Amino acid sequence: MYDEKDKTLTFSLNGDKDDDTRKVLLNVYAALIEKGYDPINQIVGYILSEDPTYITNYKNARSLIRKIDRDDLLNILVKNFLGVK
């Protein structure tokens, strides 16, 4: 006999990962603004080249962004741009 408590539950940690990535990007964005850089150009440069010098060391922004896997970052950005999950 099937019992509801025998049901396998699934969950995704992607929501948390996406939130963490968003927080990192917002912090990096703010640090770049404060230092007088164009944050979009700098972040795009980093994503395309994976050269961390596009990101300032100010407020530990360079270290923060390097904790994000670039493929994961691109995946999240494309999904958000297209409005899909």
PDB file of N, CA and C in Angstrom:
ATOM      1  N   MET A   1       0.838  -1.179   0.000  1.00  0.00           N
ATOM      2  CA  MET A   1       0.000   0.000   0.000  1.00  0.00           C
ATOM      3  C   MET A   1       0.890   1.251   0.000  1.00  0.00           C
ATOM      4  N   TYR A   2       0.527   2.231  -0.798  1.00  0.00           N
ATOM      5  CA  TYR A   2       1.301   3.467  -0.940  1.00  0.00           C
ATOM      6  C   TYR A   2       1.004   4.392   0.226  1.00  0.00           C
ATOM      7  N   ASP A   3       2.042   4.850   0.843  1.00  0.00           N
ATOM      8  CA  ASP A   3       1.911   5.792   1.953  1.00  0.00           C
ATOM      9  C   ASP A   3       2.528   7.119   1.524  1.00  0.00           C
ATOM     10  N   GLU A   4       1.847   8.216   1.775  1.00  0.00           N
ATOM     11  CA  GLU A   4       2.307   9.548   1.364  1.00  0.00           C
ATOM     12  C   GLU A   4       3.711   9.865   1.890  1.00  0.00           C
ATOM     13  N   LYS A   5       4.052   9.370   3.073  1.00  0.00           N
ATOM     14  CA  LYS A   5       5.375   9.674   3.617  1.00  0.00           C
ATOM     15  C   LYS A   5       6.496   8.900   2.929  1.00  0.00           C
ATOM     16  N   ASP A   6       6.154   7.937   2.062  1.00  0.00           N
ATOM     17  CA  ASP A   6       7.153   7.220   1.270  1.00  0.00           C
ATOM     18  C   ASP A   6       7.486   7.962  -0.027  1.00  0.00           C
ATOM     19  N   LYS A   7       6.762   9.009  -0.291  1.00  0.00           N
ATOM     20  CA  LYS A   7       6.964   9.792  -1.499  1.00  0.00           C
ATOM     21  C   LYS A   7       8.338  10.474  -1.462  1.00  0.00           C
ATOM     22  N   THR A   8       9.046  10.438  -2.574  1.00  0.00           N
ATOM     23  CA  THR A   8      10.336  11.103  -2.679  1.00  0.00           C
ATOM     24  C   THR A   8      10.120  12.590  -2.903  1.00  0.00           C
ATOM     25  N   LEU A   9      10.750  13.385  -2.088  1.00  0.00           N
ATOM     26  CA  LEU A   9      10.640  14.826  -2.222  1.00  0.00           C
ATOM     27  C   LEU A   9      11.830  15.338  -3.014  1.00  0.00           C
ATOM     28  N   THR A  10      11.579  16.293  -3.857  1.00  0.00           N
ATOM     29  CA  THR A  10      12.665  16.926  -4.603  1.00  0.00           C
ATOM     30  C   THR A  10      12.672  18.414  -4.278  1.00  0.00           C
ATOM     31  N   PHE A  11      13.833  18.972  -4.329  1.00  0.00           N
ATOM     32  CA  PHE A  11      13.963  20.408  -4.127  1.00  0.00           C
ATOM     33  C   PHE A  11      15.169  20.883  -4.900  1.00  0.00           C
ATOM     34  N   SER A  12      15.199  22.173  -5.113  1.00  0.00           N
ATOM     35  CA  SER A  12      16.289  22.758  -5.877  1.00  0.00           C
ATOM     36  C   SER A  12      16.986  23.824  -5.045  1.00  0.00           C
ATOM     37  N   LEU A  13      18.291  23.818  -5.105  1.00  0.00           N
ATOM     38  CA  LEU A  13      19.063  24.856  -4.434  1.00  0.00           C
ATOM     39  C   LEU A  13      19.379  26.008  -5.383  1.00  0.00           C
ATOM     40  N   ASN A  14      18.928  25.908  -6.628  1.00  0.00           N
ATOM     41  CA  ASN A  14      19.239  26.946  -7.609  1.00  0.00           C
ATOM     42  C   ASN A  14      18.709  28.305  -7.195  1.00  0.00           C
ATOM     43  N   GLY A  15      17.562  28.326  -6.523  1.00  0.00           N
ATOM     44  CA  GLY A  15      17.015  29.605  -6.081  1.00  0.00           C
ATOM     45  C   GLY A  15      17.963  30.311  -5.140  1.00  0.00           C
ATOM     46  N   ASP A  16      18.524  29.561  -4.192  1.00  0.00           N
ATOM     47  CA  ASP A  16      19.496  30.132  -3.260  1.00  0.00           C
ATOM     48  C   ASP A  16      20.765  30.554  -3.997  1.00  0.00           C
ATOM     49  N   LYS A  17      21.202  29.718  -4.920  1.00  0.00           N
ATOM     50  CA  LYS A  17      22.418  30.016  -5.677  1.00  0.00           C
ATOM     51  C   LYS A  17      22.207  31.279  -6.519  1.00  0.00           C
ATOM     52  N   ASP A  18      21.039  31.378  -7.147  1.00  0.00           N
ATOM     53  CA  ASP A  18      20.725  32.558  -7.942  1.00  0.00           C
ATOM     54  C   ASP A  18      20.698  33.811  -7.062  1.00  0.00           C
ATOM     55  N   ASP A  19      20.129  33.686  -5.872  1.00  0.00           N
ATOM     56  CA  ASP A  19      20.073  34.826  -4.948  1.00  0.00           C
ATOM     57  C   ASP A  19      21.474  35.245  -4.517  1.00  0.00           C
ATOM     58  N   ASP A  20      22.313  34.261  -4.219  1.00  0.00           N
ATOM     59  CA  ASP A  20      23.691  34.564  -3.827  1.00  0.00           C
ATOM     60  C   ASP A  20      24.442  35.256  -4.964  1.00  0.00           C
ATOM     61  N   THR A  21      24.237  34.758  -6.180  1.00  0.00           N
ATOM     62  CA  THR A  21      24.889  35.356  -7.348  1.00  0.00           C
ATOM     63  C   THR A  21      24.411  36.788  -7.541  1.00  0.00           C
ATOM     64  N   ARG A  22      23.126  37.007  -7.371  1.00  0.00           N
ATOM     65  CA  ARG A  22      22.557  38.360  -7.500  1.00  0.00           C
ATOM     66  C   ARG A  22      23.182  39.309  -6.482  1.00  0.00           C
ATOM     67  N   LYS A  23      23.313  38.851  -5.234  1.00  0.00           N
ATOM     68  CA  LYS A  23      23.905  39.685  -4.186  1.00  0.00           C
ATOM     69  C   LYS A  23      25.350  40.036  -4.523  1.00  0.00           C
ATOM     70  N   VAL A  24      26.098  39.058  -5.003  1.00  0.00           N
ATOM     71  CA  VAL A  24      27.488  39.307  -5.377  1.00  0.00           C
ATOM     72  C   VAL A  24      27.547  40.335  -6.500  1.00  0.00           C
ATOM     73  N   LEU A  25      26.734  40.144  -7.530  1.00  0.00           N
ATOM     74  CA  LEU A  25      26.742  41.086  -8.655  1.00  0.00           C
ATOM     75  C   LEU A  25      26.352  42.493  -8.218  1.00  0.00           C
ATOM     76  N   LEU A  26      25.374  42.596  -7.332  1.00  0.00           N
ATOM     77  CA  LEU A  26      24.975  43.917  -6.844  1.00  0.00           C
ATOM     78  C   LEU A  26      26.097  44.580  -6.054  1.00  0.00           C
ATOM     79  N   ASN A  27      26.810  43.807  -5.256  1.00  0.00           N
ATOM     80  CA  ASN A  27      27.945  44.348  -4.502  1.00  0.00           C
ATOM     81  C   ASN A  27      29.073  44.779  -5.433  1.00  0.00           C
ATOM     82  N   VAL A  28      29.360  43.954  -6.427  1.00  0.00           N
ATOM     83  CA  VAL A  28      30.404  44.286  -7.405  1.00  0.00           C
ATOM     84  C   VAL A  28      29.995  45.537  -8.183  1.00  0.00           C
ATOM     85  N   TYR A  29      28.746  45.579  -8.612  1.00  0.00           N
ATOM     86  CA  TYR A  29      28.205  46.721  -9.344  1.00  0.00           C
ATOM     87  C   TYR A  29      28.381  48.009  -8.526  1.00  0.00           C
ATOM     88  N   ALA A  30      27.998  47.949  -7.250  1.00  0.00           N
ATOM     89  CA  ALA A  30      28.096  49.121  -6.379  1.00  0.00           C
ATOM     90  C   ALA A  30      29.555  49.555  -6.207  1.00  0.00           C
ATOM     91  N   ALA A  31      30.450  48.609  -6.033  1.00  0.00           N
ATOM     92  CA  ALA A  31      31.871  48.938  -5.866  1.00  0.00           C
ATOM     93  C   ALA A  31      32.417  49.604  -7.128  1.00  0.00           C
ATOM     94  N   LEU A  32      32.025  49.101  -8.283  1.00  0.00           N
ATOM     95  CA  LEU A  32      32.486  49.690  -9.544  1.00  0.00           C
ATOM     96  C   LEU A  32      31.958  51.116  -9.710  1.00  0.00           C
ATOM     97  N   ILE A  33      30.701  51.327  -9.368  1.00  0.00           N
ATOM     98  CA  ILE A  33      30.100  52.674  -9.430  1.00  0.00           C
ATOM     99  C   ILE A  33      30.865  53.626  -8.515  1.00  0.00           C
ATOM    100  N   GLU A  34      31.107  53.179  -7.283  1.00  0.00           N
ATOM    101  CA  GLU A  34      31.794  54.030  -6.305  1.00  0.00           C
ATOM    102  C   GLU A  34      33.195  54.424  -6.770  1.00  0.00           C
ATOM    103  N   LYS A  35      33.839  53.544  -7.511  1.00  0.00           N
ATOM    104  CA  LYS A  35      35.185  53.839  -8.008  1.00  0.00           C
ATOM    105  C   LYS A  35      35.155  54.607  -9.330  1.00  0.00           C
ATOM    106  N   GLY A  36      33.959  54.875  -9.879  1.00  0.00           N
ATOM    107  CA  GLY A  36      33.838  55.690 -11.075  1.00  0.00           C
ATOM    108  C   GLY A  36      33.896  54.923 -12.394  1.00  0.00           C
ATOM    109  N   TYR A  37      33.792  53.603 -12.335  1.00  0.00           N
ATOM    110  CA  TYR A  37      33.805  52.791 -13.553  1.00  0.00           C
ATOM    111  C   TYR A  37      32.398  52.620 -14.110  1.00  0.00           C
ATOM    112  N   ASP A  38      32.308  52.245 -15.375  1.00  0.00           N
ATOM    113  CA  ASP A  38      31.038  51.841 -15.972  1.00  0.00           C
ATOM    114  C   ASP A  38      30.860  50.364 -15.615  1.00  0.00           C
ATOM    115  N   PRO A  39      29.982  50.055 -14.661  1.00  0.00           N
ATOM    116  CA  PRO A  39      29.908  48.686 -14.148  1.00  0.00           C
ATOM    117  C   PRO A  39      29.483  47.646 -15.180  1.00  0.00           C
ATOM    118  N   ILE A  40      28.607  48.021 -16.089  1.00  0.00           N
ATOM    119  CA  ILE A  40      28.158  47.059 -17.105  1.00  0.00           C
ATOM    120  C   ILE A  40      29.326  46.676 -18.009  1.00  0.00           C
ATOM    121  N   ASN A  41      30.046  47.666 -18.506  1.00  0.00           N
ATOM    122  CA  ASN A  41      31.191  47.371 -19.376  1.00  0.00           C
ATOM    123  C   ASN A  41      32.245  46.540 -18.657  1.00  0.00           C
ATOM    124  N   GLN A  42      32.494  46.856 -17.388  1.00  0.00           N
ATOM    125  CA  GLN A  42      33.512  46.127 -16.637  1.00  0.00           C
ATOM    126  C   GLN A  42      33.091  44.682 -16.379  1.00  0.00           C
ATOM    127  N   ILE A  43      31.829  44.477 -16.008  1.00  0.00           N
ATOM    128  CA  ILE A  43      31.338  43.111 -15.744  1.00  0.00           C
ATOM    129  C   ILE A  43      31.304  42.304 -17.026  1.00  0.00           C
ATOM    130  N   VAL A  44      30.863  42.905 -18.119  1.00  0.00           N
ATOM    131  CA  VAL A  44      30.861  42.210 -19.413  1.00  0.00           C
ATOM    132  C   VAL A  44      32.290  41.858 -19.816  1.00  0.00           C
ATOM    133  N   GLY A  45      33.206  42.778 -19.648  1.00  0.00           N
ATOM    134  CA  GLY A  45      34.608  42.500 -19.953  1.00  0.00           C
ATOM    135  C   GLY A  45      35.134  41.324 -19.156  1.00  0.00           C
ATOM    136  N   TYR A  46      34.781  41.282 -17.882  1.00  0.00           N
ATOM    137  CA  TYR A  46      35.196  40.162 -17.033  1.00  0.00           C
ATOM    138  C   TYR A  46      34.597  38.847 -17.523  1.00  0.00           C
ATOM    139  N   ILE A  47      33.306  38.859 -17.823  1.00  0.00           N
ATOM    140  CA  ILE A  47      32.638  37.626 -18.266  1.00  0.00           C
ATOM    141  C   ILE A  47      33.251  37.120 -19.568  1.00  0.00           C
ATOM    142  N   LEU A  48      33.482  38.017 -20.511  1.00  0.00           N
ATOM    143  CA  LEU A  48      34.017  37.595 -21.811  1.00  0.00           C
ATOM    144  C   LEU A  48      35.463  37.108 -21.728  1.00  0.00           C
ATOM    145  N   SER A  49      36.255  37.765 -20.921  1.00  0.00           N
ATOM    146  CA  SER A  49      37.685  37.448 -20.897  1.00  0.00           C
ATOM    147  C   SER A  49      38.108  36.583 -19.710  1.00  0.00           C
ATOM    148  N   GLU A  50      37.308  36.590 -18.684  1.00  0.00           N
ATOM    149  CA  GLU A  50      37.631  35.964 -17.400  1.00  0.00           C
ATOM    150  C   GLU A  50      38.901  36.570 -16.785  1.00  0.00           C
ATOM    151  N   ASP A  51      39.175  37.798 -17.180  1.00  0.00           N
ATOM    152  CA  ASP A  51      40.311  38.538 -16.634  1.00  0.00           C
ATOM    153  C   ASP A  51      39.825  39.324 -15.416  1.00  0.00           C
ATOM    154  N   PRO A  52      40.258  38.938 -14.216  1.00  0.00           N
ATOM    155  CA  PRO A  52      39.739  39.578 -13.003  1.00  0.00           C
ATOM    156  C   PRO A  52      40.107  41.052 -12.864  1.00  0.00           C
ATOM    157  N   THR A  53      41.067  41.525 -13.646  1.00  0.00           N
ATOM    158  CA  THR A  53      41.447  42.935 -13.514  1.00  0.00           C
ATOM    159  C   THR A  53      40.374  43.891 -14.036  1.00  0.00           C
ATOM    160  N   TYR A  54      39.354  43.377 -14.698  1.00  0.00           N
ATOM    161  CA  TYR A  54      38.211  44.215 -15.073  1.00  0.00           C
ATOM    162  C   TYR A  54      37.428  44.665 -13.849  1.00  0.00           C
ATOM    163  N   ILE A  55      37.591  43.934 -12.736  1.00  0.00           N
ATOM    164  CA  ILE A  55      36.841  44.220 -11.522  1.00  0.00           C
ATOM    165  C   ILE A  55      37.785  44.815 -10.480  1.00  0.00           C
ATOM    166  N   THR A  56      37.351  45.884  -9.856  1.00  0.00           N
ATOM    167  CA  THR A  56      38.154  46.557  -8.846  1.00  0.00           C
ATOM    168  C   THR A  56      38.346  45.685  -7.601  1.00  0.00           C
ATOM    169  N   ASN A  57      39.440  45.922  -6.907  1.00  0.00           N
ATOM    170  CA  ASN A  57      39.662  45.268  -5.616  1.00  0.00           C
ATOM    171  C   ASN A  57      38.873  45.957  -4.501  1.00  0.00           C
ATOM    172  N   TYR A  58      38.395  47.151  -4.793  1.00  0.00           N
ATOM    173  CA  TYR A  58      37.662  47.940  -3.811  1.00  0.00           C
ATOM    174  C   TYR A  58      36.503  47.133  -3.233  1.00  0.00           C
ATOM    175  N   LYS A  59      36.369  47.155  -1.920  1.00  0.00           N
ATOM    176  CA  LYS A  59      35.327  46.423  -1.191  1.00  0.00           C
ATOM    177  C   LYS A  59      35.342  44.929  -1.509  1.00  0.00           C
ATOM    178  N   ASN A  60      36.512  44.404  -1.838  1.00  0.00           N
ATOM    179  CA  ASN A  60      36.701  42.976  -2.084  1.00  0.00           C
ATOM    180  C   ASN A  60      35.898  42.466  -3.295  1.00  0.00           C
ATOM    181  N   ALA A  61      35.536  43.369  -4.219  1.00  0.00           N
ATOM    182  CA  ALA A  61      34.681  43.011  -5.352  1.00  0.00           C
ATOM    183  C   ALA A  61      35.317  41.950  -6.251  1.00  0.00           C
ATOM    184  N   ARG A  62      36.605  42.066  -6.493  1.00  0.00           N
ATOM    185  CA  ARG A  62      37.283  41.111  -7.371  1.00  0.00           C
ATOM    186  C   ARG A  62      37.240  39.697  -6.781  1.00  0.00           C
ATOM    187  N   SER A  63      37.498  39.614  -5.520  1.00  0.00           N
ATOM    188  CA  SER A  63      37.466  38.317  -4.842  1.00  0.00           C
ATOM    189  C   SER A  63      36.050  37.737  -4.839  1.00  0.00           C
ATOM    190  N   LEU A  64      35.065  38.591  -4.625  1.00  0.00           N
ATOM    191  CA  LEU A  64      33.670  38.141  -4.607  1.00  0.00           C
ATOM    192  C   LEU A  64      33.242  37.555  -5.951  1.00  0.00           C
ATOM    193  N   ILE A  65      33.530  38.285  -7.032  1.00  0.00           N
ATOM    194  CA  ILE A  65      33.052  37.831  -8.335  1.00  0.00           C
ATOM    195  C   ILE A  65      33.763  36.552  -8.784  1.00  0.00           C
ATOM    196  N   ARG A  66      34.982  36.353  -8.314  1.00  0.00           N
ATOM    197  CA  ARG A  66      35.721  35.152  -8.697  1.00  0.00           C
ATOM    198  C   ARG A  66      35.171  33.903  -8.019  1.00  0.00           C
ATOM    199  N   LYS A  67      34.331  34.068  -7.008  1.00  0.00           N
ATOM    200  CA  LYS A  67      33.697  32.925  -6.344  1.00  0.00           C
ATOM    201  C   LYS A  67      32.541  32.360  -7.161  1.00  0.00           C
ATOM    202  N   ILE A  68      32.095  33.127  -8.148  1.00  0.00           N
ATOM    203  CA  ILE A  68      30.984  32.689  -9.002  1.00  0.00           C
ATOM    204  C   ILE A  68      31.557  31.994 -10.222  1.00  0.00           C
ATOM    205  N   ASP A  69      31.061  30.798 -10.504  1.00  0.00           N
ATOM    206  CA  ASP A  69      31.463  30.102 -11.720  1.00  0.00           C
ATOM    207  C   ASP A  69      30.926  30.881 -12.922  1.00  0.00           C
ATOM    208  N   ARG A  70      31.790  31.173 -13.872  1.00  0.00           N
ATOM    209  CA  ARG A  70      31.408  32.001 -15.020  1.00  0.00           C
ATOM    210  C   ARG A  70      30.285  31.371 -15.834  1.00  0.00           C
ATOM    211  N   ASP A  71      30.300  30.052 -16.008  1.00  0.00           N
ATOM    212  CA  ASP A  71      29.222  29.381 -16.746  1.00  0.00           C
ATOM    213  C   ASP A  71      27.894  29.511 -16.005  1.00  0.00           C
ATOM    214  N   ASP A  72      27.929  29.371 -14.681  1.00  0.00           N
ATOM    215  CA  ASP A  72      26.712  29.553 -13.891  1.00  0.00           C
ATOM    216  C   ASP A  72      26.199  30.979 -14.013  1.00  0.00           C
ATOM    217  N   LEU A  73      27.116  31.930 -13.978  1.00  0.00           N
ATOM    218  CA  LEU A  73      26.734  33.333 -14.110  1.00  0.00           C
ATOM    219  C   LEU A  73      26.057  33.600 -15.454  1.00  0.00           C
ATOM    220  N   LEU A  74      26.646  33.105 -16.519  1.00  0.00           N
ATOM    221  CA  LEU A  74      26.043  33.283 -17.851  1.00  0.00           C
ATOM    222  C   LEU A  74      24.677  32.614 -17.933  1.00  0.00           C
ATOM    223  N   ASN A  75      24.567  31.417 -17.357  1.00  0.00           N
ATOM    224  CA  ASN A  75      23.298  30.690 -17.351  1.00  0.00           C
ATOM    225  C   ASN A  75      22.217  31.514 -16.657  1.00  0.00           C
ATOM    226  N   ILE A  76      22.541  32.045 -15.488  1.00  0.00           N
ATOM    227  CA  ILE A  76      21.587  32.852 -14.727  1.00  0.00           C
ATOM    228  C   ILE A  76      21.208  34.121 -15.486  1.00  0.00           C
ATOM    229  N   LEU A  77      22.196  34.780 -16.072  1.00  0.00           N
ATOM    230  CA  LEU A  77      21.923  36.020 -16.807  1.00  0.00           C
ATOM    231  C   LEU A  77      21.025  35.787 -18.011  1.00  0.00           C
ATOM    232  N   VAL A  78      21.286  34.726 -18.765  1.00  0.00           N
ATOM    233  CA  VAL A  78      20.454  34.434 -19.946  1.00  0.00           C
ATOM    234  C   VAL A  78      19.035  34.069 -19.520  1.00  0.00           C
ATOM    235  N   LYS A  79      18.909  33.227 -18.498  1.00  0.00           N
ATOM    236  CA  LYS A  79      17.572  32.851 -18.020  1.00  0.00           C
ATOM    237  C   LYS A  79      16.790  34.077 -17.572  1.00  0.00           C
ATOM    238  N   ASN A  80      17.441  34.953 -16.833  1.00  0.00           N
ATOM    239  CA  ASN A  80      16.754  36.162 -16.363  1.00  0.00           C
ATOM    240  C   ASN A  80      16.393  37.093 -17.504  1.00  0.00           C
ATOM    241  N   PHE A  81      17.284  37.211 -18.490  1.00  0.00           N
ATOM    242  CA  PHE A  81      16.996  38.061 -19.621  1.00  0.00           C
ATOM    243  C   PHE A  81      15.788  37.539 -20.401  1.00  0.00           C
ATOM    244  N   LEU A  82      15.711  36.217 -20.551  1.00  0.00           N
ATOM    245  CA  LEU A  82      14.597  35.612 -21.280  1.00  0.00           C
ATOM    246  C   LEU A  82      13.350  35.416 -20.433  1.00  0.00           C
ATOM    247  N   GLY A  83      13.488  35.569 -19.123  1.00  0.00           N
ATOM    248  CA  GLY A  83      12.346  35.405 -18.222  1.00  0.00           C
ATOM    249  C   GLY A  83      11.922  33.961 -18.039  1.00  0.00           C
ATOM    250  N   VAL A  84      12.870  33.045 -18.139  1.00  0.00           N
ATOM    251  CA  VAL A  84      12.562  31.622 -17.955  1.00  0.00           C
ATOM    252  C   VAL A  84      13.275  31.115 -16.712  1.00  0.00           C
ATOM    253  N   LYS A  85      12.788  30.016 -16.200  1.00  0.00           N
ATOM    254  CA  LYS A  85      13.397  29.430 -14.980  1.00  0.00           C
ATOM    255  C   LYS A  85      14.259  28.266 -15.332  1.00  0.00           C
TER     256      LYS A  85
END
